[in-house]
Amino acid sequence: MNSIVGTIGNGSPLVADASPMIDPFGRAVTYLRVSVTDRCDFRCTYCMAEHMTFLPKKDLLTLEELNRLCSAFIAKGVRKIRLTGGEPLVRKNIMFLVRELGKRVQNGGLEELTLTTNGSQLSRYAEELYDCGVRRINVSLDTLDPDKFHAITRWGDFAKVMEGIDATQKAGLKIKLNAVALKDFNEVEIPELLRFAHGRGMDLTVIETMPMGEIEEDRTDRYLPLSKVRADLEQQFTLTDIPYKTGGPARYVEVAETGGRLGFITPLTHNFCESCNRVRLTCTGTLYMCLGQNDAADLRTALRATEDDALVYAAIDEAITRKPKGHDFIIDRTHNRPAVARHMSVTGG
């Protein structure tokens, strides 16, 4: 629905355009990922440096402002919102935003509100998440070995994450586990992770490491192509491709021996961009049209310029015209610098 709400500098009418977002390649943008904070209570070695410099709190949008931006995207056709971080549940008063967006699920404006978390805060928030309308979440878990878990997360408490998974399932939420496949770290554990997840009624998705941000190690030493992971799994499991989709980039198989689903996210061995339906909003109001590109749009200025959403809609529309066909991720010995300088925690993966 369009309505004239004011004029721009030359006197021309400024129209609040809440029309759907269609990118230059004909893809409808219906999925918004919102990084509510770049802060995290873990320091996973493939994601962050141990001594991170985080954004000054004064640069962050308020939760009310994030809610307003999310509402603008919903008006323009977003049907699914995923809250990410950093670790989203460490943001002070985060449940205000969850509750406000949950109302949009209840009134039909939004099909689904989900969350990606490291699990550290779930024992505290699981019941409230369910009360707010969240019905499924993703939990990042790369190993079931408590010592290795502490090594990869640096600060993580494995027992607390397990307690959070228990609380989440007790509250009635579905869980999908996400595991980053890392050479010489967890490649031999993936069958065990699979059995653990499916044994508790959870899906599992394995993910290739992505070249984002400077970390203390060379990612080529950890890069494990999922083509190899799948070939190894097929030595002991029967995997059948299925058309199941959750709105994200994972391709799924059904595992005959467990009856569960296994997803593969392969930004490097098999580019998943052709059906991309998503954009990413950071906690400073920066909109990234692609995870693997640096091009971005400033929505904060438009948001704070006026109380109506005409400028916000216009800024979103301009950004969508710049959404690229795909990312430029490469990992090899001649491309061992990060493809983009920002860390994964800025845009939430």
Protein backbone atom coordinates (compact mmCIF):
# COMPACT_ATOMS: atom_id res chain seq x y z
CA MET A 1 0.00 0.00 0.00
CA ASN A 2 1.39 3.43 -1.02
CA SER A 3 0.50 6.82 0.45
CA ILE A 4 1.97 10.34 0.07
CA VAL A 5 3.45 11.36 3.41
CA GLY A 6 5.52 14.42 2.55
CA THR A 7 7.89 15.92 0.00
CA ILE A 8 11.56 15.61 -0.80
CA GLY A 9 13.91 18.53 -1.40
CA ASN A 10 12.67 19.42 -4.89
CA GLY A 11 9.03 19.45 -3.80
CA SER A 12 8.22 16.07 -5.34
CA PRO A 13 5.95 13.84 -3.29
CA LEU A 14 7.61 11.26 -1.04
CA VAL A 15 5.61 8.07 -1.17
CA ALA A 16 5.60 5.52 1.65
CA ASP A 17 6.05 2.49 -0.54
CA ALA A 18 5.33 -0.76 1.27
CA SER A 19 5.50 -2.82 -1.91
CA PRO A 20 7.29 -6.20 -1.93
CA MET A 21 11.07 -6.29 -2.25
CA ILE A 22 12.21 -7.86 -5.54
CA ASP A 23 15.95 -7.86 -6.26
CA PRO A 24 17.55 -7.32 -9.72
CA PHE A 25 17.48 -11.08 -10.36
CA GLY A 26 13.76 -11.47 -9.69
CA ARG A 27 14.15 -12.95 -6.21
CA ALA A 28 11.61 -11.87 -3.58
CA VAL A 29 13.18 -10.90 -0.25
CA THR A 30 11.00 -12.49 2.43
CA TYR A 31 13.54 -13.41 5.13
CA LEU A 32 15.29 -10.95 7.46
CA ARG A 33 18.12 -11.87 9.78
CA VAL A 34 18.65 -9.34 12.56
CA SER A 35 21.92 -9.22 14.50
CA VAL A 36 20.77 -7.63 17.75
CA THR A 37 24.31 -7.41 19.16
CA ASP A 38 27.87 -8.09 18.04
CA ARG A 39 28.76 -9.21 21.58
CA CYS A 40 29.01 -12.84 22.64
CA ASP A 41 29.84 -14.74 25.80
CA PHE A 42 31.87 -17.28 23.74
CA ARG A 43 34.94 -16.66 21.56
CA CYS A 44 34.69 -19.49 19.03
CA THR A 45 38.04 -19.77 17.29
CA TYR A 46 36.67 -19.89 13.73
CA CYS A 47 34.36 -16.91 14.35
CA MET A 48 36.07 -14.35 16.58
CA ALA A 49 39.45 -13.24 17.83
CA GLU A 50 39.95 -13.90 21.54
CA HIS A 51 40.34 -10.21 22.32
CA MET A 52 37.58 -8.56 20.32
CA THR A 53 36.83 -4.85 20.06
CA PHE A 54 33.07 -4.52 20.13
CA LEU A 55 30.89 -1.67 18.95
CA PRO A 56 30.39 1.19 21.43
CA LYS A 57 26.96 0.83 22.98
CA LYS A 58 26.08 4.37 21.86
CA ASP A 59 26.27 3.19 18.22
CA LEU A 60 23.60 0.53 18.69
CA LEU A 61 19.99 0.99 17.73
CA THR A 62 17.61 0.78 20.65
CA LEU A 63 15.38 -2.27 20.80
CA GLU A 64 12.44 0.03 19.97
CA GLU A 65 14.28 1.17 16.83
CA LEU A 66 15.08 -2.41 15.83
CA ASN A 67 11.41 -3.25 16.28
CA ARG A 68 10.43 -0.34 14.04
CA LEU A 69 12.84 -1.45 11.31
CA CYS A 70 11.58 -5.03 11.56
CA SER A 71 8.02 -3.72 11.24
CA ALA A 72 9.00 -1.83 8.08
CA PHE A 73 10.43 -5.01 6.58
CA ILE A 74 7.31 -6.95 7.54
CA ALA A 75 5.20 -4.30 5.78
CA LYS A 76 7.37 -4.83 2.69
CA GLY A 77 6.88 -8.57 2.57
CA VAL A 78 9.23 -10.19 5.07
CA ARG A 79 7.55 -13.34 6.40
CA LYS A 80 10.31 -14.77 8.55
CA ILE A 81 12.68 -13.08 11.00
CA ARG A 82 15.63 -14.74 12.67
CA LEU A 83 17.34 -13.00 15.60
CA THR A 84 21.09 -13.56 15.76
CA GLY A 85 24.18 -12.00 17.27
CA GLY A 86 26.89 -12.34 18.47
CA GLU A 87 24.79 -14.11 21.04
CA PRO A 88 21.31 -12.54 20.90
CA LEU A 89 20.31 -13.53 24.42
CA VAL A 90 23.12 -11.50 26.02
CA ARG A 91 21.56 -8.23 24.77
CA LYS A 92 20.01 -6.44 27.75
CA ASN A 93 16.19 -6.55 27.70
CA ILE A 94 16.21 -8.61 24.47
CA MET A 95 12.91 -10.21 25.40
CA PHE A 96 11.17 -6.87 24.77
CA LEU A 97 12.00 -7.23 21.07
CA VAL A 98 11.12 -10.93 21.05
CA ARG A 99 7.75 -10.19 22.61
CA GLU A 100 6.97 -7.33 20.21
CA LEU A 101 7.85 -9.44 17.16
CA GLY A 102 5.96 -12.36 18.65
CA LYS A 103 2.81 -10.22 18.51
CA ARG A 104 3.31 -10.00 14.73
CA VAL A 105 3.30 -13.80 14.56
CA GLN A 106 0.13 -13.94 16.60
CA ASN A 107 -1.70 -11.42 14.38
CA GLY A 108 -0.53 -13.07 11.16
CA GLY A 109 1.82 -10.32 10.00
CA LEU A 110 4.79 -12.66 10.35
CA GLU A 111 4.86 -16.39 9.65
CA GLU A 112 7.76 -17.24 11.90
CA LEU A 113 10.12 -15.75 14.49
CA THR A 114 13.23 -17.82 15.16
CA LEU A 115 16.57 -17.48 16.91
CA THR A 116 20.14 -18.70 16.52
CA THR A 117 21.96 -19.08 19.83
CA ASN A 118 25.01 -20.72 21.40
CA GLY A 119 22.71 -22.16 24.07
CA SER A 120 24.39 -20.52 27.05
CA GLN A 121 21.29 -18.57 28.13
CA LEU A 122 18.56 -21.00 27.13
CA SER A 123 17.91 -22.43 30.58
CA ARG A 124 16.95 -18.89 31.59
CA TYR A 125 14.88 -17.90 28.56
CA ALA A 126 13.40 -21.05 26.99
CA GLU A 127 9.93 -20.82 28.54
CA GLU A 128 9.63 -17.11 27.82
CA LEU A 129 10.69 -17.65 24.20
CA TYR A 130 7.88 -20.15 23.80
CA ASP A 131 5.40 -17.77 25.46
CA CYS A 132 6.40 -15.09 22.93
CA GLY A 133 5.55 -17.30 19.95
CA VAL A 134 8.96 -18.73 19.09
CA ARG A 135 8.52 -22.39 18.12
CA ARG A 136 11.94 -23.44 16.89
CA ILE A 137 15.52 -22.30 17.35
CA ASN A 138 18.99 -23.16 16.10
CA VAL A 139 21.69 -24.04 18.62
CA SER A 140 25.34 -23.95 17.57
CA LEU A 141 27.18 -27.04 18.83
CA ASP A 142 30.39 -28.27 17.21
CA THR A 143 31.36 -31.09 19.54
CA LEU A 144 30.00 -33.30 22.33
CA ASP A 145 33.38 -33.48 24.07
CA PRO A 146 33.37 -30.98 27.00
CA ASP A 147 37.14 -30.38 26.78
CA LYS A 148 37.08 -29.82 23.03
CA PHE A 149 33.99 -27.65 23.46
CA HIS A 150 35.87 -25.42 25.88
CA ALA A 151 38.85 -25.30 23.52
CA ILE A 152 36.82 -24.27 20.46
CA THR A 153 34.61 -21.74 22.32
CA ARG A 154 37.41 -20.56 24.64
CA TRP A 155 34.88 -19.41 27.28
CA GLY A 156 31.99 -21.86 26.83
CA ASP A 157 30.49 -24.17 29.49
CA PHE A 158 29.32 -27.42 27.85
CA ALA A 159 27.16 -28.45 30.82
CA LYS A 160 25.28 -25.15 30.69
CA VAL A 161 24.54 -25.60 26.98
CA MET A 162 23.23 -29.13 27.61
CA GLU A 163 21.07 -27.75 30.42
CA GLY A 164 19.75 -25.15 27.97
CA ILE A 165 18.90 -27.79 25.36
CA ASP A 166 17.02 -29.76 28.01
CA ALA A 167 15.08 -26.66 29.10
CA THR A 168 14.25 -25.74 25.50
CA GLN A 169 12.84 -29.14 24.65
CA LYS A 170 10.90 -29.20 27.93
CA ALA A 171 9.38 -25.82 27.00
CA GLY A 172 8.11 -27.31 23.73
CA LEU A 173 10.50 -25.66 21.27
CA LYS A 174 12.01 -27.60 18.37
CA ILE A 175 15.80 -27.44 18.06
CA LYS A 176 18.08 -27.73 15.07
CA LEU A 177 21.75 -28.17 15.90
CA ASN A 178 24.30 -26.34 13.76
CA ALA A 179 27.85 -27.70 13.61
CA VAL A 180 30.71 -26.06 11.71
CA ALA A 181 32.76 -28.83 10.07
CA LEU A 182 36.42 -28.34 10.99
CA LYS A 183 39.30 -30.47 9.75
CA ASP A 184 41.33 -32.15 12.49
CA PHE A 185 38.81 -31.04 15.09
CA ASN A 186 35.34 -32.58 14.75
CA GLU A 187 35.29 -34.45 11.43
CA VAL A 188 35.33 -37.86 13.14
CA GLU A 189 32.62 -36.73 15.57
CA ILE A 190 29.97 -35.83 13.00
CA PRO A 191 28.39 -39.33 13.04
CA GLU A 192 28.13 -39.05 16.84
CA LEU A 193 26.60 -35.57 16.58
CA LEU A 194 24.13 -36.96 14.06
CA ARG A 195 23.06 -39.82 16.32
CA PHE A 196 22.83 -37.48 19.33
CA ALA A 197 20.64 -34.98 17.49
CA HIS A 198 18.33 -37.50 15.86
CA GLY A 199 18.11 -39.52 19.06
CA ARG A 200 16.59 -36.47 20.73
CA GLY A 201 14.31 -35.49 17.85
CA MET A 202 16.53 -32.66 16.60
CA ASP A 203 17.70 -31.98 13.05
CA LEU A 204 21.41 -31.41 12.44
CA THR A 205 22.98 -29.06 9.91
CA VAL A 206 26.70 -29.06 9.14
CA ILE A 207 28.28 -25.89 7.79
CA GLU A 208 31.50 -25.10 5.96
CA THR A 209 33.68 -22.50 7.67
CA MET A 210 33.34 -19.07 6.05
CA PRO A 211 36.22 -16.61 5.40
CA MET A 212 34.99 -13.68 7.49
CA GLY A 213 37.10 -11.48 9.78
CA GLU A 214 40.65 -11.82 11.03
CA ILE A 215 41.17 -14.63 13.53
CA GLU A 216 44.29 -16.14 15.09
CA GLU A 217 44.49 -19.13 12.76
CA ASP A 218 44.68 -19.79 9.03
CA ARG A 219 41.24 -21.00 7.95
CA THR A 220 42.73 -23.17 5.23
CA ASP A 221 44.05 -25.38 8.03
CA ARG A 222 40.48 -25.95 9.27
CA TYR A 223 38.51 -25.94 6.01
CA LEU A 224 36.66 -29.21 5.53
CA PRO A 225 34.57 -29.49 2.34
CA LEU A 226 31.15 -30.97 3.00
CA SER A 227 31.47 -33.10 -0.11
CA LYS A 228 34.03 -35.08 1.91
CA VAL A 229 31.83 -35.05 5.03
CA ARG A 230 28.92 -36.48 3.04
CA ALA A 231 31.10 -39.14 1.38
CA ASP A 232 32.42 -40.20 4.81
CA LEU A 233 28.91 -40.34 6.29
CA GLU A 234 27.71 -42.49 3.41
CA GLN A 235 30.13 -45.18 4.54
CA GLN A 236 27.77 -45.87 7.48
CA PHE A 237 24.49 -44.08 6.73
CA THR A 238 21.98 -44.12 3.86
CA LEU A 239 21.40 -40.50 2.80
CA THR A 240 18.52 -39.59 0.48
CA ASP A 241 18.09 -36.06 -0.90
CA ILE A 242 14.74 -34.50 0.03
CA PRO A 243 13.11 -31.18 -0.98
CA TYR A 244 12.62 -30.05 2.65
CA LYS A 245 13.28 -26.32 3.22
CA THR A 246 13.28 -24.04 6.25
CA GLY A 247 13.81 -20.77 4.40
CA GLY A 248 17.59 -20.84 4.74
CA PRO A 249 20.34 -22.11 2.43
CA ALA A 250 20.62 -25.69 3.72
CA ARG A 251 20.07 -28.66 1.43
CA TYR A 252 18.60 -31.60 3.32
CA VAL A 253 18.86 -35.37 3.23
CA GLU A 254 16.96 -37.99 5.18
CA VAL A 255 19.04 -40.50 7.12
CA ALA A 256 17.45 -43.94 6.82
CA GLU A 257 19.14 -45.41 9.89
CA THR A 258 17.95 -42.65 12.25
CA GLY A 259 14.84 -41.36 10.52
CA GLY A 260 16.09 -37.78 10.99
CA ARG A 261 17.06 -34.92 8.70
CA LEU A 262 20.60 -33.72 8.00
CA GLY A 263 21.30 -30.37 6.35
CA PHE A 264 24.38 -29.19 4.46
CA ILE A 265 25.27 -25.49 4.14
CA THR A 266 27.98 -25.23 1.50
CA PRO A 267 28.99 -21.65 0.69
CA LEU A 268 32.26 -22.84 -0.84
CA THR A 269 31.83 -26.26 -2.46
CA HIS A 270 28.31 -25.56 -3.74
CA ASN A 271 27.25 -21.93 -3.91
CA PHE A 272 23.70 -21.58 -2.54
CA CYS A 273 23.01 -18.06 -3.83
CA GLU A 274 20.67 -18.75 -6.74
CA SER A 275 17.61 -18.90 -4.48
CA CYS A 276 18.69 -16.31 -1.89
CA ASN A 277 15.66 -14.65 -0.32
CA ARG A 278 17.29 -12.89 2.62
CA VAL A 279 19.03 -9.75 3.80
CA ARG A 280 20.82 -9.02 7.06
CA LEU A 281 20.32 -6.11 9.44
CA THR A 282 22.94 -5.26 12.06
CA CYS A 283 22.42 -3.73 15.48
CA THR A 284 23.65 -0.37 14.14
CA GLY A 285 21.02 -0.23 11.40
CA THR A 286 23.33 -1.31 8.60
CA LEU A 287 21.68 -3.52 5.97
CA TYR A 288 23.86 -6.09 4.22
CA MET A 289 22.30 -7.43 1.05
CA CYS A 290 24.75 -10.37 1.01
CA LEU A 291 26.72 -12.11 3.75
CA GLY A 292 29.76 -12.44 1.51
CA GLN A 293 29.89 -8.88 0.14
CA ASN A 294 30.87 -5.57 1.76
CA ASP A 295 28.19 -3.48 0.03
CA ALA A 296 25.73 -2.15 2.62
CA ALA A 297 23.06 0.48 3.24
CA ASP A 298 22.61 2.83 6.18
CA LEU A 299 19.05 2.58 7.51
CA ARG A 300 19.76 4.32 10.82
CA THR A 301 19.92 7.80 9.27
CA ALA A 302 16.59 7.32 7.51
CA LEU A 303 15.06 5.82 10.64
CA ARG A 304 16.05 8.75 12.86
CA ALA A 305 15.25 11.49 10.33
CA THR A 306 11.49 11.25 10.74
CA GLU A 307 8.86 9.32 12.66
CA ASP A 308 7.11 8.02 9.55
CA ASP A 309 8.61 5.23 7.49
CA ALA A 310 8.72 6.77 4.01
CA LEU A 311 12.48 7.40 4.12
CA VAL A 312 13.07 3.94 5.58
CA TYR A 313 11.07 2.29 2.80
CA ALA A 314 12.98 4.32 0.20
CA ALA A 315 16.35 3.36 1.72
CA ILE A 316 15.35 -0.31 1.77
CA ASP A 317 14.18 -0.20 -1.84
CA GLU A 318 17.43 1.45 -2.97
CA ALA A 319 19.45 -1.19 -1.13
CA ILE A 320 17.53 -4.08 -2.70
CA THR A 321 18.43 -2.76 -6.17
CA ARG A 322 22.06 -3.47 -5.21
CA LYS A 323 21.55 -7.03 -3.97
CA PRO A 324 24.20 -9.09 -5.82
CA LYS A 325 23.65 -12.39 -7.55
CA GLY A 326 26.00 -14.18 -5.15
CA HIS A 327 28.95 -14.02 -2.76
CA ASP A 328 32.67 -14.17 -3.45
CA PHE A 329 33.80 -16.67 -0.80
CA ILE A 330 37.02 -18.54 -1.62
CA ILE A 331 39.31 -20.48 0.69
CA ASP A 332 42.63 -21.78 -0.56
CA ARG A 333 46.33 -21.13 0.00
CA THR A 334 46.32 -18.14 -2.37
CA HIS A 335 43.17 -16.66 -0.79
CA ASN A 336 43.90 -17.12 2.91
CA ARG A 337 42.83 -13.62 3.89
CA PRO A 338 39.17 -13.17 4.88
CA ALA A 339 36.82 -12.54 1.95
CA VAL A 340 35.20 -9.79 4.02
CA ALA A 341 36.82 -7.95 6.92
CA ARG A 342 33.85 -7.95 9.31
CA HIS A 343 33.54 -10.81 11.74
CA MET A 344 30.63 -13.25 11.58
CA SER A 345 29.36 -11.81 14.87
CA VAL A 346 28.54 -8.50 13.16
CA THR A 347 25.96 -9.96 10.79
CA GLY A 348 25.10 -13.20 12.56
CA GLY A 349 26.02 -15.74 9.87
